[in-house]
Amino acid sequence: TLATMGVGLGFAIAAVRANLPMTIIIINNNGIYHGLDTESYNSTSLNALPSTALLPDVRYDLIADATGGKGYFVRKPQELENAMKEALKDNEKVIVINVMIQP
């Protein structure tokens, strides 16, 4: 996972400082390899959470917004289509499309 989820992606997102246009699509399953749904996460003791579980529904899209890019939070196919259309129109900044899927 170091090649795709390590420093490379972080460096690419950091390119927002140079206003390099790129679209990043995050397939977010609340974890690494697999995560937990919100109900399961909240009902599990912190000591018992699997190491692959991350906080549910992390808003990576808001990081793009906070750093001068544009983020989209997607839960439905139509939202993904709309986000992609908007992203393809923008040639001036980093776009992050945070696509939530089943853990």
PDB file of N, CA and C in Angstrom:
ATOM      1  N   THR A   1       0.809  -1.212   0.000  1.00  0.00           N
ATOM      2  CA  THR A   1       0.000   0.000   0.000  1.00  0.00           C
ATOM      3  C   THR A   1       0.846   1.269   0.000  1.00  0.00           C
ATOM      4  N   LEU A   2       2.124   1.177   0.241  1.00  0.00           N
ATOM      5  CA  LEU A   2       2.936   2.391   0.266  1.00  0.00           C
ATOM      6  C   LEU A   2       2.975   3.100  -1.077  1.00  0.00           C
ATOM      7  N   ALA A   3       2.813   2.382  -2.153  1.00  0.00           N
ATOM      8  CA  ALA A   3       2.881   3.014  -3.461  1.00  0.00           C
ATOM      9  C   ALA A   3       1.655   3.869  -3.750  1.00  0.00           C
ATOM     10  N   THR A   4       0.484   3.444  -3.329  1.00  0.00           N
ATOM     11  CA  THR A   4      -0.724   4.191  -3.672  1.00  0.00           C
ATOM     12  C   THR A   4      -1.298   4.971  -2.505  1.00  0.00           C
ATOM     13  N   MET A   5      -1.037   4.541  -1.282  1.00  0.00           N
ATOM     14  CA  MET A   5      -1.644   5.202  -0.128  1.00  0.00           C
ATOM     15  C   MET A   5      -0.586   5.831   0.768  1.00  0.00           C
ATOM     16  N   GLY A   6       0.656   5.834   0.315  1.00  0.00           N
ATOM     17  CA  GLY A   6       1.729   6.411   1.105  1.00  0.00           C
ATOM     18  C   GLY A   6       1.949   7.866   0.763  1.00  0.00           C
ATOM     19  N   VAL A   7       3.191   8.257   0.622  1.00  0.00           N
ATOM     20  CA  VAL A   7       3.513   9.665   0.439  1.00  0.00           C
ATOM     21  C   VAL A   7       3.153  10.197  -0.939  1.00  0.00           C
ATOM     22  N   GLY A   8       3.089   9.344  -1.940  1.00  0.00           N
ATOM     23  CA  GLY A   8       2.822   9.808  -3.303  1.00  0.00           C
ATOM     24  C   GLY A   8       1.534  10.596  -3.425  1.00  0.00           C
ATOM     25  N   LEU A   9       0.449  10.057  -2.901  1.00  0.00           N
ATOM     26  CA  LEU A   9      -0.829  10.743  -2.997  1.00  0.00           C
ATOM     27  C   LEU A   9      -0.809  12.031  -2.187  1.00  0.00           C
ATOM     28  N   GLY A  10      -0.203  11.990  -1.016  1.00  0.00           N
ATOM     29  CA  GLY A  10      -0.096  13.207  -0.213  1.00  0.00           C
ATOM     30  C   GLY A  10       0.672  14.297  -0.936  1.00  0.00           C
ATOM     31  N   PHE A  11       1.765  13.928  -1.599  1.00  0.00           N
ATOM     32  CA  PHE A  11       2.534  14.906  -2.363  1.00  0.00           C
ATOM     33  C   PHE A  11       1.704  15.467  -3.514  1.00  0.00           C
ATOM     34  N   ALA A  12       0.948  14.605  -4.162  1.00  0.00           N
ATOM     35  CA  ALA A  12       0.107  15.067  -5.271  1.00  0.00           C
ATOM     36  C   ALA A  12      -0.949  16.047  -4.780  1.00  0.00           C
ATOM     37  N   ILE A  13      -1.589  15.725  -3.674  1.00  0.00           N
ATOM     38  CA  ILE A  13      -2.600  16.639  -3.126  1.00  0.00           C
ATOM     39  C   ILE A  13      -1.940  17.941  -2.691  1.00  0.00           C
ATOM     40  N   ALA A  14      -0.722  17.868  -2.153  1.00  0.00           N
ATOM     41  CA  ALA A  14      -0.020  19.076  -1.723  1.00  0.00           C
ATOM     42  C   ALA A  14       0.290  19.995  -2.895  1.00  0.00           C
ATOM     43  N   ALA A  15       0.234  19.475  -4.108  1.00  0.00           N
ATOM     44  CA  ALA A  15       0.479  20.298  -5.288  1.00  0.00           C
ATOM     45  C   ALA A  15      -0.563  21.401  -5.425  1.00  0.00           C
ATOM     46  N   VAL A  16      -1.622  21.379  -4.601  1.00  0.00           N
ATOM     47  CA  VAL A  16      -2.607  22.462  -4.629  1.00  0.00           C
ATOM     48  C   VAL A  16      -1.921  23.814  -4.422  1.00  0.00           C
ATOM     49  N   ARG A  17      -0.785  23.824  -3.726  1.00  0.00           N
ATOM     50  CA  ARG A  17      -0.029  25.074  -3.543  1.00  0.00           C
ATOM     51  C   ARG A  17       0.408  25.660  -4.878  1.00  0.00           C
ATOM     52  N   ALA A  18       0.656  24.800  -5.838  1.00  0.00           N
ATOM     53  CA  ALA A  18       1.071  25.244  -7.163  1.00  0.00           C
ATOM     54  C   ALA A  18      -0.104  25.309  -8.122  1.00  0.00           C
ATOM     55  N   ASN A  19      -1.298  25.068  -7.615  1.00  0.00           N
ATOM     56  CA  ASN A  19      -2.519  25.076  -8.424  1.00  0.00           C
ATOM     57  C   ASN A  19      -2.427  24.153  -9.633  1.00  0.00           C
ATOM     58  N   LEU A  20      -1.850  22.978  -9.427  1.00  0.00           N
ATOM     59  CA  LEU A  20      -1.797  22.005 -10.502  1.00  0.00           C
ATOM     60  C   LEU A  20      -3.146  21.299 -10.615  1.00  0.00           C
ATOM     61  N   PRO A  21      -3.715  21.284 -11.794  1.00  0.00           N
ATOM     62  CA  PRO A  21      -5.021  20.641 -11.936  1.00  0.00           C
ATOM     63  C   PRO A  21      -4.898  19.122 -11.900  1.00  0.00           C
ATOM     64  N   MET A  22      -5.674  18.503 -11.045  1.00  0.00           N
ATOM     65  CA  MET A  22      -5.754  17.045 -11.002  1.00  0.00           C
ATOM     66  C   MET A  22      -7.052  16.660 -10.314  1.00  0.00           C
ATOM     67  N   THR A  23      -7.548  15.506 -10.677  1.00  0.00           N
ATOM     68  CA  THR A  23      -8.745  14.967 -10.039  1.00  0.00           C
ATOM     69  C   THR A  23      -8.357  13.683  -9.324  1.00  0.00           C
ATOM     70  N   ILE A  24      -8.662  13.637  -8.032  1.00  0.00           N
ATOM     71  CA  ILE A  24      -8.364  12.476  -7.206  1.00  0.00           C
ATOM     72  C   ILE A  24      -9.691  11.875  -6.770  1.00  0.00           C
ATOM     73  N   ILE A  25      -9.891  10.607  -7.059  1.00  0.00           N
ATOM     74  CA  ILE A  25     -11.107   9.912  -6.647  1.00  0.00           C
ATOM     75  C   ILE A  25     -10.735   8.953  -5.522  1.00  0.00           C
ATOM     76  N   ILE A  26     -11.344   9.167  -4.370  1.00  0.00           N
ATOM     77  CA  ILE A  26     -11.103   8.308  -3.213  1.00  0.00           C
ATOM     78  C   ILE A  26     -12.285   7.357  -3.076  1.00  0.00           C
ATOM     79  N   ILE A  27     -12.012   6.083  -3.150  1.00  0.00           N
ATOM     80  CA  ILE A  27     -13.042   5.077  -2.917  1.00  0.00           C
ATOM     81  C   ILE A  27     -12.973   4.771  -1.423  1.00  0.00           C
ATOM     82  N   ASN A  28     -13.894   5.324  -0.661  1.00  0.00           N
ATOM     83  CA  ASN A  28     -13.814   5.352   0.798  1.00  0.00           C
ATOM     84  C   ASN A  28     -14.712   4.277   1.411  1.00  0.00           C
ATOM     85  N   ASN A  29     -14.078   3.247   1.978  1.00  0.00           N
ATOM     86  CA  ASN A  29     -14.832   2.171   2.630  1.00  0.00           C
ATOM     87  C   ASN A  29     -14.626   2.182   4.149  1.00  0.00           C
ATOM     88  N   ASN A  30     -14.270   3.336   4.686  1.00  0.00           N
ATOM     89  CA  ASN A  30     -14.070   3.513   6.133  1.00  0.00           C
ATOM     90  C   ASN A  30     -12.897   2.714   6.673  1.00  0.00           C
ATOM     91  N   GLY A  31     -11.956   2.336   5.827  1.00  0.00           N
ATOM     92  CA  GLY A  31     -10.836   1.571   6.343  1.00  0.00           C
ATOM     93  C   GLY A  31      -9.771   1.317   5.307  1.00  0.00           C
ATOM     94  N   ILE A  32      -8.826   0.485   5.680  1.00  0.00           N
ATOM     95  CA  ILE A  32      -7.786   0.034   4.774  1.00  0.00           C
ATOM     96  C   ILE A  32      -8.120  -1.418   4.471  1.00  0.00           C
ATOM     97  N   TYR A  33      -8.384  -1.721   3.233  1.00  0.00           N
ATOM     98  CA  TYR A  33      -8.889  -3.015   2.751  1.00  0.00           C
ATOM     99  C   TYR A  33     -10.371  -3.177   3.085  1.00  0.00           C
ATOM    100  N   HIS A  34     -10.750  -2.976   4.339  1.00  0.00           N
ATOM    101  CA  HIS A  34     -12.173  -2.982   4.704  1.00  0.00           C
ATOM    102  C   HIS A  34     -12.323  -2.218   6.013  1.00  0.00           C
ATOM    103  N   GLY A  35     -13.472  -1.613   6.185  1.00  0.00           N
ATOM    104  CA  GLY A  35     -13.726  -0.864   7.404  1.00  0.00           C
ATOM    105  C   GLY A  35     -14.994  -1.359   8.069  1.00  0.00           C
ATOM    106  N   LEU A  36     -15.574  -0.507   8.893  1.00  0.00           N
ATOM    107  CA  LEU A  36     -16.826  -0.829   9.578  1.00  0.00           C
ATOM    108  C   LEU A  36     -17.858   0.239   9.265  1.00  0.00           C
ATOM    109  N   ASP A  37     -19.120  -0.158   9.234  1.00  0.00           N
ATOM    110  CA  ASP A  37     -20.165   0.849   9.105  1.00  0.00           C
ATOM    111  C   ASP A  37     -20.237   1.628  10.417  1.00  0.00           C
ATOM    112  N   THR A  38     -20.918   2.756  10.390  1.00  0.00           N
ATOM    113  CA  THR A  38     -20.957   3.654  11.549  1.00  0.00           C
ATOM    114  C   THR A  38     -21.501   2.956  12.789  1.00  0.00           C
ATOM    115  N   GLU A  39     -22.581   2.193  12.637  1.00  0.00           N
ATOM    116  CA  GLU A  39     -23.190   1.510  13.785  1.00  0.00           C
ATOM    117  C   GLU A  39     -22.221   0.509  14.419  1.00  0.00           C
ATOM    118  N   SER A  40     -21.559  -0.292  13.578  1.00  0.00           N
ATOM    119  CA  SER A  40     -20.604  -1.273  14.099  1.00  0.00           C
ATOM    120  C   SER A  40     -19.421  -0.592  14.759  1.00  0.00           C
ATOM    121  N   TYR A  41     -18.941   0.479  14.151  1.00  0.00           N
ATOM    122  CA  TYR A  41     -17.804   1.213  14.710  1.00  0.00           C
ATOM    123  C   TYR A  41     -18.146   1.766  16.086  1.00  0.00           C
ATOM    124  N   ASN A  42     -19.329   2.388  16.186  1.00  0.00           N
ATOM    125  CA  ASN A  42     -19.730   3.006  17.450  1.00  0.00           C
ATOM    126  C   ASN A  42     -20.040   1.989  18.545  1.00  0.00           C
ATOM    127  N   SER A  43     -20.399   0.771  18.170  1.00  0.00           N
ATOM    128  CA  SER A  43     -20.738  -0.236  19.178  1.00  0.00           C
ATOM    129  C   SER A  43     -19.554  -1.126  19.551  1.00  0.00           C
ATOM    130  N   THR A  44     -18.399  -0.853  18.978  1.00  0.00           N
ATOM    131  CA  THR A  44     -17.204  -1.646  19.262  1.00  0.00           C
ATOM    132  C   THR A  44     -16.268  -0.850  20.163  1.00  0.00           C
ATOM    133  N   SER A  45     -15.745  -1.511  21.177  1.00  0.00           N
ATOM    134  CA  SER A  45     -14.766  -0.888  22.062  1.00  0.00           C
ATOM    135  C   SER A  45     -13.548  -0.458  21.254  1.00  0.00           C
ATOM    136  N   LEU A  46     -12.977   0.696  21.586  1.00  0.00           N
ATOM    137  CA  LEU A  46     -11.801   1.172  20.863  1.00  0.00           C
ATOM    138  C   LEU A  46     -10.666   0.154  20.882  1.00  0.00           C
ATOM    139  N   ASN A  47     -10.538  -0.585  21.977  1.00  0.00           N
ATOM    140  CA  ASN A  47      -9.492  -1.599  22.077  1.00  0.00           C
ATOM    141  C   ASN A  47      -9.766  -2.807  21.181  1.00  0.00           C
ATOM    142  N   ALA A  48     -11.010  -2.985  20.765  1.00  0.00           N
ATOM    143  CA  ALA A  48     -11.373  -4.148  19.962  1.00  0.00           C
ATOM    144  C   ALA A  48     -11.511  -3.832  18.468  1.00  0.00           C
ATOM    145  N   LEU A  49     -11.357  -2.561  18.091  1.00  0.00           N
ATOM    146  CA  LEU A  49     -11.477  -2.211  16.679  1.00  0.00           C
ATOM    147  C   LEU A  49     -10.358  -2.865  15.870  1.00  0.00           C
ATOM    148  N   PRO A  50     -10.687  -3.392  14.687  1.00  0.00           N
ATOM    149  CA  PRO A  50      -9.629  -3.963  13.857  1.00  0.00           C
ATOM    150  C   PRO A  50      -8.670  -2.861  13.395  1.00  0.00           C
ATOM    151  N   SER A  51      -7.436  -3.215  13.177  1.00  0.00           N
ATOM    152  CA  SER A  51      -6.433  -2.224  12.775  1.00  0.00           C
ATOM    153  C   SER A  51      -6.734  -1.612  11.410  1.00  0.00           C
ATOM    154  N   THR A  52      -7.576  -2.270  10.629  1.00  0.00           N
ATOM    155  CA  THR A  52      -7.910  -1.753   9.300  1.00  0.00           C
ATOM    156  C   THR A  52      -9.074  -0.773   9.326  1.00  0.00           C
ATOM    157  N   ALA A  53      -9.744  -0.618  10.455  1.00  0.00           N
ATOM    158  CA  ALA A  53     -10.911   0.271  10.538  1.00  0.00           C
ATOM    159  C   ALA A  53     -10.457   1.699  10.787  1.00  0.00           C
ATOM    160  N   LEU A  54     -10.975   2.604   9.990  1.00  0.00           N
ATOM    161  CA  LEU A  54     -10.750   4.028  10.188  1.00  0.00           C
ATOM    162  C   LEU A  54     -12.060   4.662  10.635  1.00  0.00           C
ATOM    163  N   LEU A  55     -11.997   5.881  11.105  1.00  0.00           N
ATOM    164  CA  LEU A  55     -13.194   6.593  11.525  1.00  0.00           C
ATOM    165  C   LEU A  55     -14.196   6.625  10.366  1.00  0.00           C
ATOM    166  N   PRO A  56     -15.443   6.249  10.595  1.00  0.00           N
ATOM    167  CA  PRO A  56     -16.424   6.224   9.502  1.00  0.00           C
ATOM    168  C   PRO A  56     -16.672   7.613   8.909  1.00  0.00           C
ATOM    169  N   ASP A  57     -16.909   7.614   7.620  1.00  0.00           N
ATOM    170  CA  ASP A  57     -17.320   8.808   6.875  1.00  0.00           C
ATOM    171  C   ASP A  57     -16.333   9.972   6.978  1.00  0.00           C
ATOM    172  N   VAL A  58     -15.036   9.672   6.927  1.00  0.00           N
ATOM    173  CA  VAL A  58     -14.040  10.741   6.946  1.00  0.00           C
ATOM    174  C   VAL A  58     -14.237  11.609   5.709  1.00  0.00           C
ATOM    175  N   ARG A  59     -14.237  12.915   5.909  1.00  0.00           N
ATOM    176  CA  ARG A  59     -14.533  13.874   4.842  1.00  0.00           C
ATOM    177  C   ARG A  59     -13.254  14.388   4.178  1.00  0.00           C
ATOM    178  N   TYR A  60     -12.620  13.529   3.388  1.00  0.00           N
ATOM    179  CA  TYR A  60     -11.420  13.912   2.660  1.00  0.00           C
ATOM    180  C   TYR A  60     -11.702  15.080   1.712  1.00  0.00           C
ATOM    181  N   ASP A  61     -12.925  15.171   1.244  1.00  0.00           N
ATOM    182  CA  ASP A  61     -13.301  16.265   0.348  1.00  0.00           C
ATOM    183  C   ASP A  61     -13.131  17.630   1.010  1.00  0.00           C
ATOM    184  N   LEU A  62     -13.355  17.699   2.310  1.00  0.00           N
ATOM    185  CA  LEU A  62     -13.222  18.967   3.021  1.00  0.00           C
ATOM    186  C   LEU A  62     -11.766  19.405   3.131  1.00  0.00           C
ATOM    187  N   ILE A  63     -10.841  18.459   3.092  1.00  0.00           N
ATOM    188  CA  ILE A  63      -9.420  18.814   3.091  1.00  0.00           C
ATOM    189  C   ILE A  63      -9.095  19.572   1.811  1.00  0.00           C
ATOM    190  N   ALA A  64      -9.647  19.127   0.695  1.00  0.00           N
ATOM    191  CA  ALA A  64      -9.428  19.840  -0.569  1.00  0.00           C
ATOM    192  C   ALA A  64      -9.979  21.260  -0.469  1.00  0.00           C
ATOM    193  N   ASP A  65     -11.189  21.378   0.050  1.00  0.00           N
ATOM    194  CA  ASP A  65     -11.794  22.712   0.205  1.00  0.00           C
ATOM    195  C   ASP A  65     -10.925  23.609   1.077  1.00  0.00           C
ATOM    196  N   ALA A  66     -10.389  23.063   2.156  1.00  0.00           N
ATOM    197  CA  ALA A  66      -9.610  23.853   3.113  1.00  0.00           C
ATOM    198  C   ALA A  66      -8.266  24.303   2.551  1.00  0.00           C
ATOM    199  N   THR A  67      -7.781  23.627   1.518  1.00  0.00           N
ATOM    200  CA  THR A  67      -6.474  23.974   0.966  1.00  0.00           C
ATOM    201  C   THR A  67      -6.553  24.651  -0.395  1.00  0.00           C
ATOM    202  N   GLY A  68      -7.736  25.144  -0.745  1.00  0.00           N
ATOM    203  CA  GLY A  68      -7.880  25.886  -1.995  1.00  0.00           C
ATOM    204  C   GLY A  68      -8.340  25.071  -3.176  1.00  0.00           C
ATOM    205  N   GLY A  69      -8.548  23.786  -2.976  1.00  0.00           N
ATOM    206  CA  GLY A  69      -9.069  22.949  -4.047  1.00  0.00           C
ATOM    207  C   GLY A  69     -10.586  22.887  -3.958  1.00  0.00           C
ATOM    208  N   LYS A  70     -11.154  21.865  -4.548  1.00  0.00           N
ATOM    209  CA  LYS A  70     -12.600  21.669  -4.498  1.00  0.00           C
ATOM    210  C   LYS A  70     -12.872  20.213  -4.176  1.00  0.00           C
ATOM    211  N   GLY A  71     -13.752  19.982  -3.209  1.00  0.00           N
ATOM    212  CA  GLY A  71     -14.086  18.624  -2.830  1.00  0.00           C
ATOM    213  C   GLY A  71     -15.548  18.303  -3.056  1.00  0.00           C
ATOM    214  N   TYR A  72     -15.809  17.051  -3.361  1.00  0.00           N
ATOM    215  CA  TYR A  72     -17.173  16.550  -3.534  1.00  0.00           C
ATOM    216  C   TYR A  72     -17.344  15.318  -2.657  1.00  0.00           C
ATOM    217  N   PHE A  73     -18.459  15.249  -1.932  1.00  0.00           N
ATOM    218  CA  PHE A  73     -18.798  14.105  -1.092  1.00  0.00           C
ATOM    219  C   PHE A  73     -19.902  13.335  -1.799  1.00  0.00           C
ATOM    220  N   VAL A  74     -19.661  12.071  -2.113  1.00  0.00           N
ATOM    221  CA  VAL A  74     -20.544  11.296  -2.977  1.00  0.00           C
ATOM    222  C   VAL A  74     -21.029  10.044  -2.256  1.00  0.00           C
ATOM    223  N   ARG A  75     -22.335   9.837  -2.279  1.00  0.00           N
ATOM    224  CA  ARG A  75     -22.935   8.615  -1.737  1.00  0.00           C
ATOM    225  C   ARG A  75     -23.768   7.864  -2.776  1.00  0.00           C
ATOM    226  N   LYS A  76     -24.160   8.530  -3.845  1.00  0.00           N
ATOM    227  CA  LYS A  76     -25.056   7.930  -4.845  1.00  0.00           C
ATOM    228  C   LYS A  76     -24.444   8.053  -6.237  1.00  0.00           C
ATOM    229  N   PRO A  77     -24.787   7.124  -7.139  1.00  0.00           N
ATOM    230  CA  PRO A  77     -24.237   7.166  -8.497  1.00  0.00           C
ATOM    231  C   PRO A  77     -24.471   8.506  -9.201  1.00  0.00           C
ATOM    232  N   GLN A  78     -25.633   9.098  -9.032  1.00  0.00           N
ATOM    233  CA  GLN A  78     -25.909  10.375  -9.700  1.00  0.00           C
ATOM    234  C   GLN A  78     -24.998  11.480  -9.164  1.00  0.00           C
ATOM    235  N   GLU A  79     -24.701  11.437  -7.870  1.00  0.00           N
ATOM    236  CA  GLU A  79     -23.779  12.424  -7.291  1.00  0.00           C
ATOM    237  C   GLU A  79     -22.377  12.258  -7.872  1.00  0.00           C
ATOM    238  N   LEU A  80     -21.974  11.010  -8.113  1.00  0.00           N
ATOM    239  CA  LEU A  80     -20.666  10.760  -8.718  1.00  0.00           C
ATOM    240  C   LEU A  80     -20.626  11.308 -10.138  1.00  0.00           C
ATOM    241  N   GLU A  81     -21.678  11.066 -10.881  1.00  0.00           N
ATOM    242  CA  GLU A  81     -21.741  11.582 -12.251  1.00  0.00           C
ATOM    243  C   GLU A  81     -21.642  13.104 -12.246  1.00  0.00           C
ATOM    244  N   ASN A  82     -22.391  13.757 -11.365  1.00  0.00           N
ATOM    245  CA  ASN A  82     -22.361  15.217 -11.295  1.00  0.00           C
ATOM    246  C   ASN A  82     -20.984  15.738 -10.889  1.00  0.00           C
ATOM    247  N   ALA A  83     -20.372  15.088  -9.904  1.00  0.00           N
ATOM    248  CA  ALA A  83     -19.046  15.506  -9.444  1.00  0.00           C
ATOM    249  C   ALA A  83     -18.016  15.354 -10.561  1.00  0.00           C
ATOM    250  N   MET A  84     -18.070  14.262 -11.295  1.00  0.00           N
ATOM    251  CA  MET A  84     -17.130  14.050 -12.398  1.00  0.00           C
ATOM    252  C   MET A  84     -17.290  15.105 -13.481  1.00  0.00           C
ATOM    253  N   LYS A  85     -18.530  15.430 -13.810  1.00  0.00           N
ATOM    254  CA  LYS A  85     -18.773  16.458 -14.831  1.00  0.00           C
ATOM    255  C   LYS A  85     -18.194  17.802 -14.396  1.00  0.00           C
ATOM    256  N   GLU A  86     -18.409  18.147 -13.125  1.00  0.00           N
ATOM    257  CA  GLU A  86     -17.881  19.411 -12.610  1.00  0.00           C
ATOM    258  C   GLU A  86     -16.353  19.386 -12.557  1.00  0.00           C
ATOM    259  N   ALA A  87     -15.791  18.267 -12.155  1.00  0.00           N
ATOM    260  CA  ALA A  87     -14.332  18.149 -12.053  1.00  0.00           C
ATOM    261  C   ALA A  87     -13.669  18.307 -13.419  1.00  0.00           C
ATOM    262  N   LEU A  88     -14.272  17.730 -14.439  1.00  0.00           N
ATOM    263  CA  LEU A  88     -13.690  17.809 -15.779  1.00  0.00           C
ATOM    264  C   LEU A  88     -13.737  19.219 -16.357  1.00  0.00           C
ATOM    265  N   LYS A  89     -14.593  20.066 -15.830  1.00  0.00           N
ATOM    266  CA  LYS A  89     -14.675  21.460 -16.275  1.00  0.00           C
ATOM    267  C   LYS A  89     -13.576  22.327 -15.665  1.00  0.00           C
ATOM    268  N   ASP A  90     -12.991  21.885 -14.562  1.00  0.00           N
ATOM    269  CA  ASP A  90     -12.053  22.711 -13.806  1.00  0.00           C
ATOM    270  C   ASP A  90     -10.615  22.347 -14.148  1.00  0.00           C
ATOM    271  N   ASN A  91      -9.890  23.276 -14.738  1.00  0.00           N
ATOM    272  CA  ASN A  91      -8.499  23.041 -15.108  1.00  0.00           C
ATOM    273  C   ASN A  91      -7.535  23.861 -14.271  1.00  0.00           C
ATOM    274  N   GLU A  92      -7.986  24.299 -13.101  1.00  0.00           N
ATOM    275  CA  GLU A  92      -7.158  25.215 -12.327  1.00  0.00           C
ATOM    276  C   GLU A  92      -6.831  24.752 -10.920  1.00  0.00           C
ATOM    277  N   LYS A  93      -7.405  23.660 -10.457  1.00  0.00           N
ATOM    278  CA  LYS A  93      -7.140  23.272  -9.072  1.00  0.00           C
ATOM    279  C   LYS A  93      -7.289  21.774  -8.861  1.00  0.00           C
ATOM    280  N   VAL A  94      -6.905  21.366  -7.667  1.00  0.00           N
ATOM    281  CA  VAL A  94      -7.052  19.962  -7.272  1.00  0.00           C
ATOM    282  C   VAL A  94      -8.508  19.695  -6.910  1.00  0.00           C
ATOM    283  N   ILE A  95      -9.041  18.626  -7.432  1.00  0.00           N
ATOM    284  CA  ILE A  95     -10.393  18.195  -7.141  1.00  0.00           C
ATOM    285  C   ILE A  95     -10.293  16.855  -6.415  1.00  0.00           C
ATOM    286  N   VAL A  96     -10.990  16.725  -5.285  1.00  0.00           N
ATOM    287  CA  VAL A  96     -11.049  15.460  -4.573  1.00  0.00           C
ATOM    288  C   VAL A  96     -12.505  15.014  -4.544  1.00  0.00           C
ATOM    289  N   ILE A  97     -12.752  13.828  -5.072  1.00  0.00           N
ATOM    290  CA  ILE A  97     -14.088  13.244  -5.059  1.00  0.00           C
ATOM    291  C   ILE A  97     -14.046  12.079  -4.075  1.00  0.00           C
ATOM    292  N   ASN A  98     -14.728  12.245  -2.959  1.00  0.00           N
ATOM    293  CA  ASN A  98     -14.739  11.276  -1.866  1.00  0.00           C
ATOM    294  C   ASN A  98     -15.985  10.399  -2.035  1.00  0.00           C
ATOM    295  N   VAL A  99     -15.800   9.191  -2.547  1.00  0.00           N
ATOM    296  CA  VAL A  99     -16.908   8.296  -2.876  1.00  0.00           C
ATOM    297  C   VAL A  99     -17.063   7.256  -1.770  1.00  0.00           C
ATOM    298  N   MET A 100     -18.169   7.348  -1.053  1.00  0.00           N
ATOM    299  CA  MET A 100     -18.442   6.395   0.028  1.00  0.00           C
ATOM    300  C   MET A 100     -19.018   5.106  -0.548  1.00  0.00           C
ATOM    301  N   ILE A 101     -18.452   3.983  -0.110  1.00  0.00           N
ATOM    302  CA  ILE A 101     -18.964   2.663  -0.510  1.00  0.00           C
ATOM    303  C   ILE A 101     -19.178   1.839   0.738  1.00  0.00           C
ATOM    304  N   GLN A 102     -19.818   0.705   0.601  1.00  0.00           N
ATOM    305  CA  GLN A 102     -20.036  -0.182   1.735  1.00  0.00           C
ATOM    306  C   GLN A 102     -18.695  -0.670   2.275  1.00  0.00           C
ATOM    307  N   PRO A 103     -18.510  -0.673   3.594  1.00  0.00           N
ATOM    308  CA  PRO A 103     -17.239  -1.142   4.154  1.00  0.00           C
ATOM    309  C   PRO A 103     -16.994  -2.607   3.842  1.00  0.00           C
TER     310      PRO A 103
END
